[in-house]
Protein backbone atom coordinates (compact mmCIF):
# COMPACT_ATOMS: atom_id res chain seq x y z
CA UNK A 1 -135.71 132.64 -143.39
CA UNK A 2 -138.72 131.91 -145.53
CA UNK A 3 -139.29 128.55 -147.28
CA UNK A 4 -141.21 127.68 -150.43
CA UNK A 5 -142.10 124.60 -152.46
CA UNK A 6 -141.19 123.92 -156.07
CA UNK A 7 -142.50 120.97 -158.07
CA UNK A 8 -140.60 120.37 -161.28
CA UNK A 9 -143.33 118.90 -163.44
CA UNK A 10 -143.36 115.90 -165.80
CA UNK A 11 -142.94 118.06 -168.92
CA UNK A 12 -139.64 119.42 -167.56
CA UNK A 13 -138.36 115.89 -166.84
CA UNK A 14 -139.43 114.66 -170.28
CA UNK A 15 -137.66 117.60 -171.91
CA UNK A 16 -134.42 117.14 -169.92
CA UNK A 17 -134.69 120.53 -168.18
CA UNK A 18 -134.13 119.41 -164.59
CA UNK A 19 -130.52 120.60 -164.28
CA UNK A 20 -131.26 123.92 -165.98
CA UNK A 21 -134.16 124.63 -163.63
CA UNK A 22 -132.31 123.74 -160.44
CA UNK A 23 -129.33 125.75 -161.66
CA UNK A 24 -131.43 128.90 -162.00
CA UNK A 25 -132.50 128.75 -158.36
CA UNK A 26 -128.94 128.05 -157.23
CA UNK A 27 -127.49 130.88 -159.34
CA UNK A 28 -129.97 133.28 -157.76
CA UNK A 29 -128.49 132.35 -154.39
CA UNK A 30 -131.39 130.36 -152.99
CA UNK A 31 -130.69 127.55 -150.56
CA UNK A 32 -131.97 124.05 -151.34
CA UNK A 33 -133.10 122.55 -148.03
CA UNK A 34 -135.13 119.65 -149.45
CA UNK A 35 -134.94 117.74 -152.73
CA UNK A 36 -136.45 114.45 -153.90
CA UNK A 37 -138.02 112.70 -156.88
CA UNK A 38 -141.51 111.36 -156.19
CA UNK A 39 -144.44 109.79 -157.98
CA UNK A 40 -147.48 111.82 -156.95
CA UNK A 41 -150.52 109.99 -155.59
CA UNK A 42 -154.19 110.71 -156.24
CA UNK A 43 -154.54 111.82 -152.61
CA UNK A 44 -151.69 114.34 -152.89
CA UNK A 45 -153.06 115.72 -156.15
CA UNK A 46 -156.63 116.01 -154.87
CA UNK A 47 -155.33 117.88 -151.84
CA UNK A 48 -152.89 120.04 -153.82
CA UNK A 49 -155.36 121.01 -156.54
CA UNK A 50 -158.53 121.11 -154.37
CA UNK A 51 -159.20 124.68 -155.54
CA UNK A 52 -159.55 123.31 -159.11
CA UNK A 53 -161.62 120.20 -158.32
CA UNK A 54 -164.80 121.48 -160.03
CA UNK A 55 -163.05 122.76 -163.15
CA UNK A 56 -163.04 120.78 -166.40
CA UNK A 57 -159.24 120.64 -166.51
CA UNK A 58 -158.90 119.02 -163.05
CA UNK A 59 -158.73 115.37 -164.20
CA UNK A 60 -156.40 116.05 -167.17
CA UNK A 61 -154.16 118.09 -164.86
CA UNK A 62 -153.98 115.24 -162.33
CA UNK A 63 -153.33 112.71 -165.11
CA UNK A 64 -150.51 114.91 -166.43
CA UNK A 65 -148.96 115.30 -162.97
CA UNK A 66 -148.97 111.48 -162.59
CA UNK A 67 -147.55 110.82 -166.07
CA UNK A 68 -144.00 110.67 -164.70
CA UNK A 69 -142.26 111.45 -161.42
CA UNK A 70 -141.81 115.04 -160.34
CA UNK A 71 -138.91 116.60 -158.49
CA UNK A 72 -139.98 118.33 -155.31
CA UNK A 73 -137.75 120.99 -153.78
CA UNK A 74 -137.88 123.21 -150.75
CA UNK A 75 -135.97 126.45 -151.18
CA UNK A 76 -135.03 128.89 -148.44
CA UNK A 77 -134.03 132.55 -148.53
CA UNK A 78 -135.05 136.09 -147.74
CA UNK A 79 -138.42 136.76 -149.43
CA UNK A 80 -137.91 133.46 -151.26
CA UNK A 81 -141.56 133.14 -152.37
CA UNK A 82 -141.50 136.44 -154.22
CA UNK A 83 -138.03 135.77 -155.65
CA UNK A 84 -139.07 132.33 -156.93
CA UNK A 85 -142.27 133.69 -158.50
CA UNK A 86 -140.14 136.13 -160.50
CA UNK A 87 -137.72 133.40 -161.60
CA UNK A 88 -140.60 131.10 -162.59
CA UNK A 89 -142.80 133.69 -164.35
CA UNK A 90 -146.59 133.76 -164.71
CA UNK A 91 -148.61 130.56 -165.12
CA UNK A 92 -149.27 130.98 -168.85
CA UNK A 93 -145.89 130.25 -170.37
CA UNK A 94 -146.44 132.09 -173.64
CA UNK A 95 -147.08 135.32 -171.70
CA UNK A 96 -144.10 134.93 -169.36
CA UNK A 97 -141.10 137.21 -169.84
CA UNK A 98 -138.03 135.85 -171.60
CA UNK A 99 -135.48 134.97 -168.96
CA UNK A 100 -138.03 133.38 -166.64
CA UNK A 101 -138.29 129.58 -166.54
CA UNK A 102 -141.76 129.56 -168.08
CA UNK A 103 -140.88 132.35 -170.50
CA UNK A 104 -137.93 130.38 -171.81
CA UNK A 105 -139.40 126.86 -171.79
CA UNK A 106 -143.23 126.93 -171.84
CA UNK A 107 -146.04 127.89 -174.16
CA UNK A 108 -148.81 126.30 -172.11
CA UNK A 109 -151.10 127.06 -169.18
CA UNK A 110 -150.91 123.50 -167.84
CA UNK A 111 -147.62 122.18 -169.21
CA UNK A 112 -145.74 125.04 -167.62
CA UNK A 113 -142.62 123.28 -166.30
CA UNK A 114 -142.87 124.08 -162.58
CA UNK A 115 -145.23 124.71 -159.70
CA UNK A 116 -144.19 127.37 -157.18
CA UNK A 117 -146.03 128.32 -154.00
CA UNK A 118 -147.86 131.63 -154.43
CA UNK A 119 -148.08 132.81 -150.80
CA UNK A 120 -146.54 132.22 -147.38
CA UNK A 121 -149.70 130.45 -146.25
CA UNK A 122 -149.72 128.10 -149.25
CA UNK A 123 -145.97 127.51 -149.04
CA UNK A 124 -146.32 126.32 -145.45
CA UNK A 125 -149.08 123.85 -146.40
CA UNK A 126 -147.39 122.69 -149.58
CA UNK A 127 -143.98 122.04 -148.04
CA UNK A 128 -145.54 119.73 -145.45
CA UNK A 129 -147.81 118.08 -148.04
CA UNK A 130 -144.78 116.73 -149.90
CA UNK A 131 -142.01 116.61 -147.28
CA UNK A 132 -141.59 115.09 -143.84
CA UNK A 133 -139.73 116.98 -141.14
CA UNK A 134 -136.66 114.73 -141.48
CA UNK A 135 -136.42 115.58 -145.20
CA UNK A 136 -135.86 119.30 -144.61
CA UNK A 137 -132.27 120.19 -143.76
CA UNK A 138 -130.99 123.08 -141.68
CA UNK A 139 -127.41 123.93 -142.55
CA UNK A 140 -125.17 126.96 -142.95
CA UNK A 141 -124.75 128.09 -146.55
CA UNK A 142 -121.32 129.64 -146.77
CA UNK A 143 -122.14 131.96 -149.66
CA UNK A 144 -125.05 133.68 -147.85
CA UNK A 145 -122.56 136.25 -146.51
CA UNK A 146 -121.89 137.26 -150.12
CA UNK A 147 -125.57 137.18 -151.15
CA UNK A 148 -127.24 139.05 -148.27
CA UNK A 149 -126.17 141.95 -146.12
CA UNK A 150 -126.11 141.21 -142.34
CA UNK A 151 -129.51 142.85 -141.66
CA UNK A 152 -131.20 140.72 -144.33
CA UNK A 153 -129.86 137.54 -142.76
CA UNK A 154 -131.79 138.36 -139.59
CA UNK A 155 -135.15 138.04 -141.38
């Protein structure tokens, strides 16, 4: 099974959207294998947003991400990265389809409610950037037999 990282951003916490967001992933049938509230550090943000370090929005983005705690989640499922990207919608909230998290709750490029890993390679790095091995849980999810056919569960 594939894993991916979600960061529920400060704007979502300030707007009381935490339960709604988590509920959408659960209703899709994704398995939560890690969940915690954390205050991001400068080191984590510099590492996480290294690809933006020379852009003018880098410091304001880091300041925003430190403005309140975030909720970090690790989700697991078949093709979970692709499924989560569809649930979340594109980065620019005002261009995201209605029904997606960003389409329903965001108008902004930066204040866009959630971060979701965009590739298997990035998901692997991001999960371990925010979680320790003992914070990721391996357990049987009883409803997987109703969500996936037996061949899909072998992925």
